N, C-alpha and C. Protein backbone atom coordinates (compact mmCIF):
# COMPACT_ATOMS: atom_id res chain seq x y z
N MET A 1 108.19 113.31 111.69
CA MET A 1 106.98 112.88 112.38
C MET A 1 105.97 112.42 111.33
N PRO A 2 105.39 111.22 111.48
CA PRO A 2 104.41 110.73 110.52
C PRO A 2 103.12 111.54 110.54
N ILE A 3 102.54 111.70 109.36
CA ILE A 3 101.25 112.35 109.25
C ILE A 3 100.17 111.28 109.23
N ASP A 4 99.06 111.53 109.89
CA ASP A 4 98.01 110.52 110.00
C ASP A 4 96.77 111.01 109.25
N LEU A 5 96.70 110.69 107.93
CA LEU A 5 95.59 111.12 107.10
C LEU A 5 94.41 110.16 107.19
N ALA A 6 94.67 108.90 107.45
CA ALA A 6 93.61 107.90 107.43
C ALA A 6 93.87 106.83 108.50
N PRO A 7 93.60 107.14 109.77
CA PRO A 7 93.95 106.22 110.84
C PRO A 7 93.18 104.90 110.81
N ASP A 8 92.05 104.85 110.11
CA ASP A 8 91.24 103.63 110.10
C ASP A 8 91.60 102.69 108.95
N LEU A 9 92.60 103.02 108.16
CA LEU A 9 92.99 102.17 107.03
C LEU A 9 94.02 101.14 107.46
N ALA A 10 94.04 100.01 106.75
CA ALA A 10 94.99 98.93 107.04
C ALA A 10 96.42 99.40 106.79
N PRO A 11 97.38 98.79 107.48
CA PRO A 11 98.78 99.16 107.27
C PRO A 11 99.21 98.95 105.81
N VAL A 12 100.13 99.79 105.37
CA VAL A 12 100.68 99.73 104.02
C VAL A 12 102.18 99.52 104.14
N GLU A 13 102.72 98.63 103.29
CA GLU A 13 104.16 98.43 103.22
C GLU A 13 104.66 98.87 101.86
N LEU A 14 105.67 99.72 101.88
CA LEU A 14 106.38 100.10 100.66
C LEU A 14 107.69 99.32 100.67
N LEU A 15 107.86 98.43 99.72
CA LEU A 15 109.05 97.59 99.63
C LEU A 15 109.94 98.15 98.53
N VAL A 16 111.18 98.46 98.87
CA VAL A 16 112.12 99.06 97.93
C VAL A 16 113.25 98.08 97.67
N CYS A 17 113.48 97.77 96.41
CA CYS A 17 114.56 96.85 96.05
C CYS A 17 115.90 97.54 96.27
N ALA A 18 116.62 97.13 97.28
CA ALA A 18 117.90 97.75 97.63
C ALA A 18 119.03 97.27 96.74
N THR A 19 118.82 96.21 95.98
CA THR A 19 119.88 95.68 95.12
C THR A 19 119.81 96.22 93.70
N CYS A 20 118.77 96.98 93.37
CA CYS A 20 118.62 97.52 92.01
C CYS A 20 119.81 98.42 91.66
N ARG A 21 120.29 98.26 90.45
CA ARG A 21 121.42 99.05 89.96
C ARG A 21 121.00 100.20 89.06
N ALA A 22 119.80 100.15 88.49
CA ALA A 22 119.31 101.19 87.57
C ALA A 22 120.31 101.46 86.45
N GLY A 23 120.85 100.39 85.89
CA GLY A 23 121.80 100.54 84.78
C GLY A 23 123.22 100.82 85.20
N GLN A 24 123.49 100.89 86.50
CA GLN A 24 124.82 101.17 87.01
C GLN A 24 125.73 99.96 86.75
N PRO A 25 126.92 100.17 86.18
CA PRO A 25 127.84 99.05 85.94
C PRO A 25 128.21 98.34 87.25
N THR A 26 128.47 97.04 87.17
CA THR A 26 128.77 96.25 88.36
C THR A 26 130.08 96.66 89.02
N GLU A 27 131.00 97.26 88.28
CA GLU A 27 132.29 97.61 88.89
C GLU A 27 132.24 98.91 89.71
N ILE A 28 131.15 99.66 89.64
CA ILE A 28 131.03 100.88 90.44
C ILE A 28 130.75 100.48 91.88
N GLU A 29 131.52 101.05 92.79
CA GLU A 29 131.37 100.72 94.22
C GLU A 29 130.45 101.73 94.90
N GLY A 30 130.07 101.40 96.10
CA GLY A 30 129.20 102.28 96.88
C GLY A 30 127.77 101.82 96.84
N PRO A 31 126.90 102.54 97.50
CA PRO A 31 125.49 102.14 97.56
C PRO A 31 124.86 102.13 96.17
N ARG A 32 124.09 101.12 95.93
CA ARG A 32 123.38 101.01 94.65
C ARG A 32 122.23 102.01 94.61
N PRO A 33 121.80 102.39 93.41
CA PRO A 33 120.69 103.35 93.32
C PRO A 33 119.43 102.91 94.07
N GLY A 34 119.15 101.60 94.09
CA GLY A 34 117.99 101.12 94.84
C GLY A 34 118.13 101.38 96.33
N ALA A 35 119.31 101.16 96.86
CA ALA A 35 119.57 101.43 98.29
C ALA A 35 119.52 102.93 98.56
N GLN A 36 119.99 103.72 97.62
CA GLN A 36 119.92 105.18 97.77
C GLN A 36 118.47 105.65 97.79
N LEU A 37 117.64 105.05 96.93
CA LEU A 37 116.21 105.38 96.92
C LEU A 37 115.58 104.98 98.26
N GLY A 38 115.89 103.78 98.73
CA GLY A 38 115.35 103.32 100.01
C GLY A 38 115.72 104.23 101.16
N ALA A 39 116.98 104.66 101.19
CA ALA A 39 117.45 105.56 102.26
C ALA A 39 116.74 106.91 102.18
N ALA A 40 116.57 107.43 100.98
CA ALA A 40 115.89 108.73 100.81
C ALA A 40 114.42 108.63 101.23
N LEU A 41 113.78 107.52 100.90
CA LEU A 41 112.37 107.33 101.28
C LEU A 41 112.21 107.19 102.79
N ALA A 42 113.17 106.54 103.43
CA ALA A 42 113.11 106.36 104.89
C ALA A 42 113.19 107.70 105.63
N GLU A 43 113.74 108.71 105.00
CA GLU A 43 113.89 110.03 105.63
C GLU A 43 112.64 110.90 105.52
N LEU A 44 111.68 110.50 104.69
CA LEU A 44 110.49 111.32 104.46
C LEU A 44 109.42 111.07 105.51
N ASP A 45 108.50 112.03 105.65
CA ASP A 45 107.34 111.87 106.54
C ASP A 45 106.28 111.09 105.81
N TRP A 46 105.79 110.04 106.45
CA TRP A 46 104.78 109.15 105.88
C TRP A 46 103.56 109.13 106.77
N PRO A 47 102.39 108.80 106.20
CA PRO A 47 101.23 108.58 107.07
C PRO A 47 101.59 107.51 108.10
N ALA A 48 100.98 107.57 109.26
CA ALA A 48 101.34 106.67 110.37
C ALA A 48 101.19 105.19 110.02
N HIS A 49 100.32 104.85 109.07
CA HIS A 49 100.08 103.44 108.74
C HIS A 49 100.96 102.95 107.57
N VAL A 50 101.97 103.73 107.17
CA VAL A 50 102.87 103.33 106.08
C VAL A 50 104.25 103.00 106.64
N THR A 51 104.78 101.86 106.23
CA THR A 51 106.12 101.43 106.61
C THR A 51 106.96 101.27 105.35
N VAL A 52 108.18 101.80 105.37
CA VAL A 52 109.12 101.65 104.26
C VAL A 52 110.13 100.58 104.64
N ARG A 53 110.31 99.59 103.78
CA ARG A 53 111.26 98.51 104.04
C ARG A 53 112.10 98.26 102.79
N GLU A 54 113.38 98.05 102.99
CA GLU A 54 114.24 97.63 101.89
C GLU A 54 114.20 96.11 101.81
N VAL A 55 114.19 95.58 100.58
CA VAL A 55 114.21 94.14 100.35
C VAL A 55 115.39 93.84 99.42
N GLU A 56 115.78 92.58 99.38
CA GLU A 56 116.96 92.17 98.60
C GLU A 56 116.76 92.25 97.10
N CYS A 57 115.65 91.77 96.57
CA CYS A 57 115.49 91.76 95.12
C CYS A 57 114.02 91.57 94.77
N LEU A 58 113.54 92.34 93.81
CA LEU A 58 112.18 92.18 93.31
C LEU A 58 112.16 91.52 91.94
N SER A 59 113.32 91.01 91.48
CA SER A 59 113.44 90.30 90.20
C SER A 59 112.88 91.11 89.03
N ASN A 60 113.19 92.39 89.03
CA ASN A 60 112.75 93.28 87.95
C ASN A 60 113.95 94.06 87.45
N CYS A 61 115.08 93.39 87.33
CA CYS A 61 116.38 94.02 87.10
C CYS A 61 116.48 94.82 85.81
N ASP A 62 115.72 94.49 84.80
CA ASP A 62 115.80 95.22 83.54
C ASP A 62 114.98 96.51 83.54
N SER A 63 114.32 96.80 84.65
CA SER A 63 113.44 97.97 84.71
C SER A 63 113.88 98.98 85.77
N GLY A 64 115.16 99.24 85.87
CA GLY A 64 115.65 100.24 86.82
C GLY A 64 115.33 99.89 88.25
N CYS A 65 115.34 100.89 89.12
CA CYS A 65 114.97 100.66 90.52
C CYS A 65 113.49 100.33 90.58
N SER A 66 113.15 99.36 91.42
CA SER A 66 111.76 98.92 91.52
C SER A 66 111.26 99.00 92.96
N ILE A 67 109.95 99.19 93.06
CA ILE A 67 109.28 99.20 94.36
C ILE A 67 108.03 98.34 94.26
N ALA A 68 107.54 97.89 95.38
CA ALA A 68 106.25 97.22 95.47
C ALA A 68 105.50 97.86 96.62
N VAL A 69 104.19 97.96 96.48
CA VAL A 69 103.37 98.50 97.56
C VAL A 69 102.20 97.55 97.78
N ARG A 70 101.96 97.24 99.06
CA ARG A 70 100.87 96.34 99.43
C ARG A 70 100.28 96.81 100.74
N GLY A 71 99.04 96.40 100.99
CA GLY A 71 98.44 96.81 102.24
C GLY A 71 97.14 96.10 102.55
N GLY A 72 97.16 95.31 103.57
CA GLY A 72 95.95 94.63 104.01
C GLY A 72 95.47 93.59 103.01
N SER A 73 94.44 92.89 103.38
CA SER A 73 93.93 91.81 102.53
C SER A 73 92.94 92.30 101.49
N GLU A 74 92.56 93.58 101.55
CA GLU A 74 91.56 94.09 100.61
C GLU A 74 92.12 95.08 99.60
N ARG A 75 93.41 95.36 99.66
CA ARG A 75 94.03 96.29 98.71
C ARG A 75 94.74 95.55 97.60
N TRP A 76 94.75 96.14 96.42
CA TRP A 76 95.57 95.65 95.32
C TRP A 76 97.03 95.91 95.66
N THR A 77 97.93 95.06 95.16
CA THR A 77 99.37 95.23 95.30
C THR A 77 99.91 95.65 93.94
N TYR A 78 100.87 96.56 93.94
CA TYR A 78 101.46 97.05 92.70
C TYR A 78 102.98 96.94 92.76
N VAL A 79 103.59 96.69 91.60
CA VAL A 79 105.04 96.76 91.43
C VAL A 79 105.29 97.82 90.37
N TYR A 80 106.17 98.77 90.69
CA TYR A 80 106.53 99.85 89.77
C TYR A 80 108.03 99.83 89.54
N GLY A 81 108.44 100.20 88.34
CA GLY A 81 109.86 100.20 88.02
C GLY A 81 110.30 101.49 87.35
N ASN A 82 111.54 101.44 86.88
CA ASN A 82 112.18 102.54 86.15
C ASN A 82 112.41 103.79 86.98
N PHE A 83 112.64 103.61 88.27
CA PHE A 83 113.09 104.73 89.09
C PHE A 83 114.61 104.78 88.97
N THR A 84 115.21 105.93 89.23
CA THR A 84 116.64 106.08 89.03
C THR A 84 117.45 106.13 90.31
N GLY A 85 116.81 106.31 91.44
CA GLY A 85 117.53 106.39 92.70
C GLY A 85 116.93 107.45 93.61
N ALA A 86 117.74 108.03 94.45
CA ALA A 86 117.28 108.97 95.47
C ALA A 86 116.53 110.16 94.90
N ASP A 87 116.86 110.57 93.68
CA ASP A 87 116.18 111.73 93.07
C ASP A 87 114.69 111.50 92.86
N ASP A 88 114.25 110.25 92.88
CA ASP A 88 112.84 109.93 92.67
C ASP A 88 112.05 109.78 93.97
N ALA A 89 112.65 110.08 95.10
CA ALA A 89 111.98 109.88 96.38
C ALA A 89 110.68 110.68 96.50
N ALA A 90 110.67 111.93 96.08
CA ALA A 90 109.45 112.74 96.18
C ALA A 90 108.34 112.19 95.29
N LEU A 91 108.71 111.72 94.11
CA LEU A 91 107.75 111.12 93.19
C LEU A 91 107.12 109.87 93.80
N VAL A 92 107.96 109.00 94.37
CA VAL A 92 107.46 107.78 95.01
C VAL A 92 106.57 108.15 96.20
N HIS A 93 106.99 109.11 96.98
CA HIS A 93 106.21 109.55 98.14
C HIS A 93 104.82 109.99 97.72
N GLU A 94 104.73 110.77 96.65
CA GLU A 94 103.43 111.24 96.17
C GLU A 94 102.52 110.06 95.80
N GLY A 95 103.04 109.14 95.01
CA GLY A 95 102.22 108.00 94.57
C GLY A 95 101.80 107.09 95.70
N ILE A 96 102.72 106.81 96.62
CA ILE A 96 102.41 105.88 97.71
C ILE A 96 101.49 106.52 98.73
N THR A 97 101.61 107.81 98.95
CA THR A 97 100.71 108.49 99.87
C THR A 97 99.28 108.45 99.34
N LYS A 98 99.12 108.58 98.03
CA LYS A 98 97.78 108.47 97.43
C LYS A 98 97.25 107.04 97.58
N TYR A 99 98.10 106.06 97.34
CA TYR A 99 97.72 104.65 97.52
C TYR A 99 97.28 104.41 98.97
N ALA A 100 98.04 104.92 99.91
CA ALA A 100 97.78 104.69 101.34
C ALA A 100 96.46 105.30 101.79
N ALA A 101 95.97 106.29 101.06
CA ALA A 101 94.71 106.95 101.42
C ALA A 101 93.49 106.21 100.90
N THR A 102 93.69 105.10 100.17
CA THR A 102 92.57 104.33 99.64
C THR A 102 92.30 103.09 100.49
N ALA A 103 91.08 102.60 100.42
CA ALA A 103 90.74 101.37 101.12
C ALA A 103 91.06 100.14 100.28
N ASP A 104 91.06 100.31 98.94
CA ASP A 104 91.27 99.17 98.05
C ASP A 104 92.58 99.23 97.26
N GLY A 105 93.35 100.30 97.41
CA GLY A 105 94.61 100.42 96.70
C GLY A 105 94.50 100.98 95.30
N ILE A 106 93.29 101.31 94.89
CA ILE A 106 93.10 101.82 93.54
C ILE A 106 93.00 103.34 93.58
N VAL A 107 94.04 103.99 93.06
CA VAL A 107 94.05 105.44 92.92
C VAL A 107 93.49 105.74 91.53
N PRO A 108 92.51 106.63 91.42
CA PRO A 108 91.98 106.94 90.09
C PRO A 108 93.12 107.30 89.11
N TRP A 109 92.99 106.80 87.89
CA TRP A 109 94.03 106.89 86.86
C TRP A 109 94.63 108.30 86.76
N ARG A 110 93.82 109.29 86.60
CA ARG A 110 94.31 110.67 86.38
C ARG A 110 94.94 111.29 87.63
N GLU A 111 94.70 110.69 88.80
CA GLU A 111 95.30 111.20 90.03
C GLU A 111 96.67 110.59 90.31
N ARG A 112 97.03 109.54 89.57
CA ARG A 112 98.34 108.91 89.75
C ARG A 112 99.42 109.76 89.10
N PRO A 113 100.61 109.80 89.71
CA PRO A 113 101.72 110.47 89.03
C PRO A 113 101.94 109.79 87.67
N VAL A 114 102.34 110.56 86.67
CA VAL A 114 102.54 110.03 85.32
C VAL A 114 103.49 108.84 85.34
N HIS A 115 104.55 108.91 86.14
CA HIS A 115 105.50 107.80 86.20
C HIS A 115 104.80 106.51 86.64
N PHE A 116 103.89 106.61 87.57
CA PHE A 116 103.16 105.43 88.05
C PHE A 116 102.24 104.88 86.96
N ARG A 117 101.65 105.76 86.15
CA ARG A 117 100.78 105.32 85.06
C ARG A 117 101.57 104.55 84.00
N LYS A 118 102.78 104.99 83.73
CA LYS A 118 103.55 104.44 82.61
C LYS A 118 104.53 103.34 83.00
N ASN A 119 104.74 103.10 84.29
CA ASN A 119 105.76 102.15 84.72
C ASN A 119 105.25 101.11 85.72
N CYS A 120 103.99 100.74 85.57
CA CYS A 120 103.43 99.67 86.40
C CYS A 120 103.87 98.34 85.81
N ILE A 121 104.62 97.57 86.58
CA ILE A 121 105.13 96.27 86.14
C ILE A 121 104.10 95.18 86.38
N ALA A 122 103.42 95.26 87.52
CA ALA A 122 102.42 94.24 87.87
C ALA A 122 101.38 94.83 88.80
N ARG A 123 100.19 94.28 88.69
CA ARG A 123 99.07 94.62 89.56
C ARG A 123 98.50 93.29 90.04
N VAL A 124 98.53 93.07 91.34
CA VAL A 124 98.13 91.78 91.92
C VAL A 124 96.84 91.98 92.71
N PRO A 125 95.84 91.12 92.46
CA PRO A 125 94.56 91.27 93.18
C PRO A 125 94.73 91.11 94.68
N PRO A 126 93.80 91.70 95.43
CA PRO A 126 93.84 91.53 96.89
C PRO A 126 93.53 90.10 97.28
N LEU A 127 93.94 89.73 98.49
CA LEU A 127 93.64 88.39 99.01
C LEU A 127 92.15 88.16 99.13
N THR A 128 91.44 89.20 99.51
CA THR A 128 89.99 89.11 99.63
C THR A 128 89.37 89.84 98.45
N LEU A 129 88.87 89.05 97.48
CA LEU A 129 88.25 89.66 96.31
C LEU A 129 86.81 90.04 96.62
N PRO A 130 86.40 91.24 96.16
CA PRO A 130 85.01 91.62 96.38
C PRO A 130 84.09 90.70 95.59
N GLU A 131 82.94 90.40 96.15
CA GLU A 131 81.96 89.52 95.48
C GLU A 131 81.24 90.26 94.39
């Protein structure tokens, strides 16, 4: 059941690269680590305004499993990498839940999980820039 911490905030999308291999050799069969991470995240309880979606590729193949988070026209968008698979689901949940509780997508530096501080691949400005 989703938890509703901030019902007045814009929807948030967590995009998980399902094709990420996280260093896994191409000859290994079965679900890729990115798909395993996506499946594990889909099983967690999220705030009502957060949606988890698997995507084909985030073009960040040299940085392990990758995710992107975006929400509304006034939030910053982030791409994070170097996740290893399903074992990182709780870590991702912590970081994205904090992001989802903000109006602008900016979680104070010290409140971010260490992995998020050290593995930010990109930060994209919101569509609506503050004046």
